[in-house]
Amino acid sequence: MTAPRGELSLAERALNTAEEREALAARRRPPAEPPAWLIERGIGVDRLPVRVHSGGCWDARKRCTGMIIDEARRALAEGVQGCPHCRPDAALGIG
């Protein structure tokens, strides 16, 4: 019975070491670049787009996801409201 316990102990130590290395590597990685443009979706089943934001907008909420510049332009052209605080329409030269 001693041999299996010893093997288990070795495996646990190896796993702990690997987890510590991964945690250290994760701390060393630079944070991900925030998206330049955000789309805010409404509440409910359909979750339709309700507002476009610039990436650093202070009024962007949890219901926002990142998008590329062409998607932001398209959303504004299709009538999705631009945020009145960060004014993505002005930043994109649309408004």
C-alpha atoms as a PDB file:
ATOM      1  CA  MET A   1       0.000   0.000   0.000  1.00  0.00           C
ATOM      2  CA  THR A   2       2.940   2.337   0.509  1.00  0.00           C
ATOM      3  CA  ALA A   3       3.996   2.425  -3.149  1.00  0.00           C
ATOM      4  CA  PRO A   4       0.622   3.691  -4.478  1.00  0.00           C
ATOM      5  CA  ARG A   5       0.499   6.384  -1.778  1.00  0.00           C
ATOM      6  CA  GLY A   6       4.021   7.486  -2.673  1.00  0.00           C
ATOM      7  CA  GLU A   7       3.092   7.664  -6.353  1.00  0.00           C
ATOM      8  CA  LEU A   8      -0.019   9.649  -5.507  1.00  0.00           C
ATOM      9  CA  SER A   9       2.042  12.067  -3.431  1.00  0.00           C
ATOM     10  CA  LEU A  10       4.500  12.552  -6.306  1.00  0.00           C
ATOM     11  CA  ALA A  11       1.653  13.135  -8.738  1.00  0.00           C
ATOM     12  CA  GLU A  12       0.031  15.684  -6.433  1.00  0.00           C
ATOM     13  CA  ARG A  13       3.313  17.568  -6.021  1.00  0.00           C
ATOM     14  CA  ALA A  14       3.872  17.580  -9.785  1.00  0.00           C
ATOM     15  CA  LEU A  15       0.349  18.883 -10.334  1.00  0.00           C
ATOM     16  CA  ASN A  16       0.808  21.628  -7.713  1.00  0.00           C
ATOM     17  CA  THR A  17       4.086  22.670  -9.326  1.00  0.00           C
ATOM     18  CA  ALA A  18       2.495  22.801 -12.770  1.00  0.00           C
ATOM     19  CA  GLU A  19      -0.438  24.872 -11.446  1.00  0.00           C
ATOM     20  CA  GLU A  20       1.951  27.305  -9.737  1.00  0.00           C
ATOM     21  CA  ARG A  21       3.939  27.730 -12.973  1.00  0.00           C
ATOM     22  CA  GLU A  22       0.744  28.370 -14.945  1.00  0.00           C
ATOM     23  CA  ALA A  23      -0.445  30.952 -12.403  1.00  0.00           C
ATOM     24  CA  LEU A  24       2.925  32.710 -12.536  1.00  0.00           C
ATOM     25  CA  ALA A  25       2.868  32.747 -16.349  1.00  0.00           C
ATOM     26  CA  ALA A  26      -0.684  34.149 -16.320  1.00  0.00           C
ATOM     27  CA  ARG A  27       0.388  36.989 -14.018  1.00  0.00           C
ATOM     28  CA  ARG A  28       3.300  37.851 -16.313  1.00  0.00           C
ATOM     29  CA  ARG A  29       1.147  38.076 -19.466  1.00  0.00           C
ATOM     30  CA  PRO A  30       0.091  41.618 -20.363  1.00  0.00           C
ATOM     31  CA  PRO A  31      -3.650  42.254 -20.068  1.00  0.00           C
ATOM     32  CA  ALA A  32      -5.677  41.876 -23.234  1.00  0.00           C
ATOM     33  CA  GLU A  33      -6.166  45.032 -25.284  1.00  0.00           C
ATOM     34  CA  PRO A  34      -9.703  46.362 -24.754  1.00  0.00           C
ATOM     35  CA  PRO A  35     -11.869  46.532 -27.892  1.00  0.00           C
ATOM     36  CA  ALA A  36     -11.997  49.895 -29.684  1.00  0.00           C
ATOM     37  CA  TRP A  37     -15.760  49.686 -30.274  1.00  0.00           C
ATOM     38  CA  LEU A  38     -18.596  48.176 -28.254  1.00  0.00           C
ATOM     39  CA  ILE A  39     -22.186  47.228 -28.983  1.00  0.00           C
ATOM     40  CA  GLU A  40     -24.629  47.334 -26.080  1.00  0.00           C
ATOM     41  CA  ARG A  41     -27.541  44.935 -26.266  1.00  0.00           C
ATOM     42  CA  GLY A  42     -30.931  45.254 -24.617  1.00  0.00           C
ATOM     43  CA  ILE A  43     -32.451  43.003 -22.004  1.00  0.00           C
ATOM     44  CA  GLY A  44     -34.660  40.094 -22.959  1.00  0.00           C
ATOM     45  CA  VAL A  45     -34.928  37.234 -25.376  1.00  0.00           C
ATOM     46  CA  ASP A  46     -34.054  39.110 -28.565  1.00  0.00           C
ATOM     47  CA  ARG A  47     -31.252  41.225 -27.024  1.00  0.00           C
ATOM     48  CA  LEU A  48     -31.310  43.688 -29.904  1.00  0.00           C
ATOM     49  CA  PRO A  49     -28.510  46.264 -30.241  1.00  0.00           C
ATOM     50  CA  VAL A  50     -29.456  49.471 -28.446  1.00  0.00           C
ATOM     51  CA  ARG A  51     -26.290  51.570 -28.374  1.00  0.00           C
ATOM     52  CA  VAL A  52     -22.788  51.830 -29.877  1.00  0.00           C
ATOM     53  CA  HIS A  53     -19.904  52.939 -27.621  1.00  0.00           C
ATOM     54  CA  SER A  54     -16.245  53.807 -28.078  1.00  0.00           C
ATOM     55  CA  GLY A  55     -14.027  51.271 -26.335  1.00  0.00           C
ATOM     56  CA  GLY A  56     -13.099  53.358 -23.315  1.00  0.00           C
ATOM     57  CA  CYS A  57     -16.563  54.772 -22.622  1.00  0.00           C
ATOM     58  CA  TRP A  58     -17.347  55.158 -18.932  1.00  0.00           C
ATOM     59  CA  ASP A  59     -21.042  54.462 -19.624  1.00  0.00           C
ATOM     60  CA  ALA A  60     -20.495  51.062 -21.284  1.00  0.00           C
ATOM     61  CA  ARG A  61     -22.401  48.421 -19.351  1.00  0.00           C
ATOM     62  CA  LYS A  62     -22.106  44.677 -18.787  1.00  0.00           C
ATOM     63  CA  ARG A  63     -24.286  43.956 -21.808  1.00  0.00           C
ATOM     64  CA  CYS A  64     -21.556  45.249 -24.154  1.00  0.00           C
ATOM     65  CA  THR A  65     -19.392  43.161 -26.431  1.00  0.00           C
ATOM     66  CA  GLY A  66     -16.491  44.177 -28.636  1.00  0.00           C
ATOM     67  CA  MET A  67     -16.796  44.727 -32.365  1.00  0.00           C
ATOM     68  CA  ILE A  68     -14.644  45.946 -35.233  1.00  0.00           C
ATOM     69  CA  ILE A  69     -14.871  49.407 -36.766  1.00  0.00           C
ATOM     70  CA  ASP A  70     -16.866  48.265 -39.810  1.00  0.00           C
ATOM     71  CA  GLU A  71     -19.503  46.714 -37.542  1.00  0.00           C
ATOM     72  CA  ALA A  72     -19.721  49.951 -35.543  1.00  0.00           C
ATOM     73  CA  ARG A  73     -20.208  51.987 -38.720  1.00  0.00           C
ATOM     74  CA  ARG A  74     -22.837  49.554 -39.996  1.00  0.00           C
ATOM     75  CA  ALA A  75     -24.750  49.575 -36.707  1.00  0.00           C
ATOM     76  CA  LEU A  76     -24.853  53.377 -36.624  1.00  0.00           C
ATOM     77  CA  ALA A  77     -25.892  53.534 -40.302  1.00  0.00           C
ATOM     78  CA  GLU A  78     -28.693  51.041 -39.575  1.00  0.00           C
ATOM     79  CA  GLY A  79     -30.083  53.298 -36.855  1.00  0.00           C
ATOM     80  CA  VAL A  80     -28.546  51.938 -33.655  1.00  0.00           C
ATOM     81  CA  GLN A  81     -28.151  54.897 -31.318  1.00  0.00           C
ATOM     82  CA  GLY A  82     -24.675  56.190 -30.538  1.00  0.00           C
ATOM     83  CA  CYS A  83     -23.784  56.791 -26.906  1.00  0.00           C
ATOM     84  CA  PRO A  84     -24.365  60.462 -26.030  1.00  0.00           C
ATOM     85  CA  HIS A  85     -21.275  60.483 -23.781  1.00  0.00           C
ATOM     86  CA  CYS A  86     -18.502  58.997 -25.942  1.00  0.00           C
ATOM     87  CA  ARG A  87     -20.084  59.996 -29.281  1.00  0.00           C
ATOM     88  CA  PRO A  88     -18.863  57.131 -31.498  1.00  0.00           C
ATOM     89  CA  ASP A  89     -20.714  58.653 -34.454  1.00  0.00           C
ATOM     90  CA  ALA A  90     -18.541  61.775 -34.232  1.00  0.00           C
ATOM     91  CA  ALA A  91     -15.386  59.704 -33.763  1.00  0.00           C
ATOM     92  CA  LEU A  92     -16.237  57.755 -36.912  1.00  0.00           C
ATOM     93  CA  GLY A  93     -17.150  60.895 -38.855  1.00  0.00           C
ATOM     94  CA  ILE A  94     -20.789  59.844 -39.235  1.00  0.00           C
ATOM     95  CA  GLY A  95     -22.571  62.383 -37.012  1.00  0.00           C
END
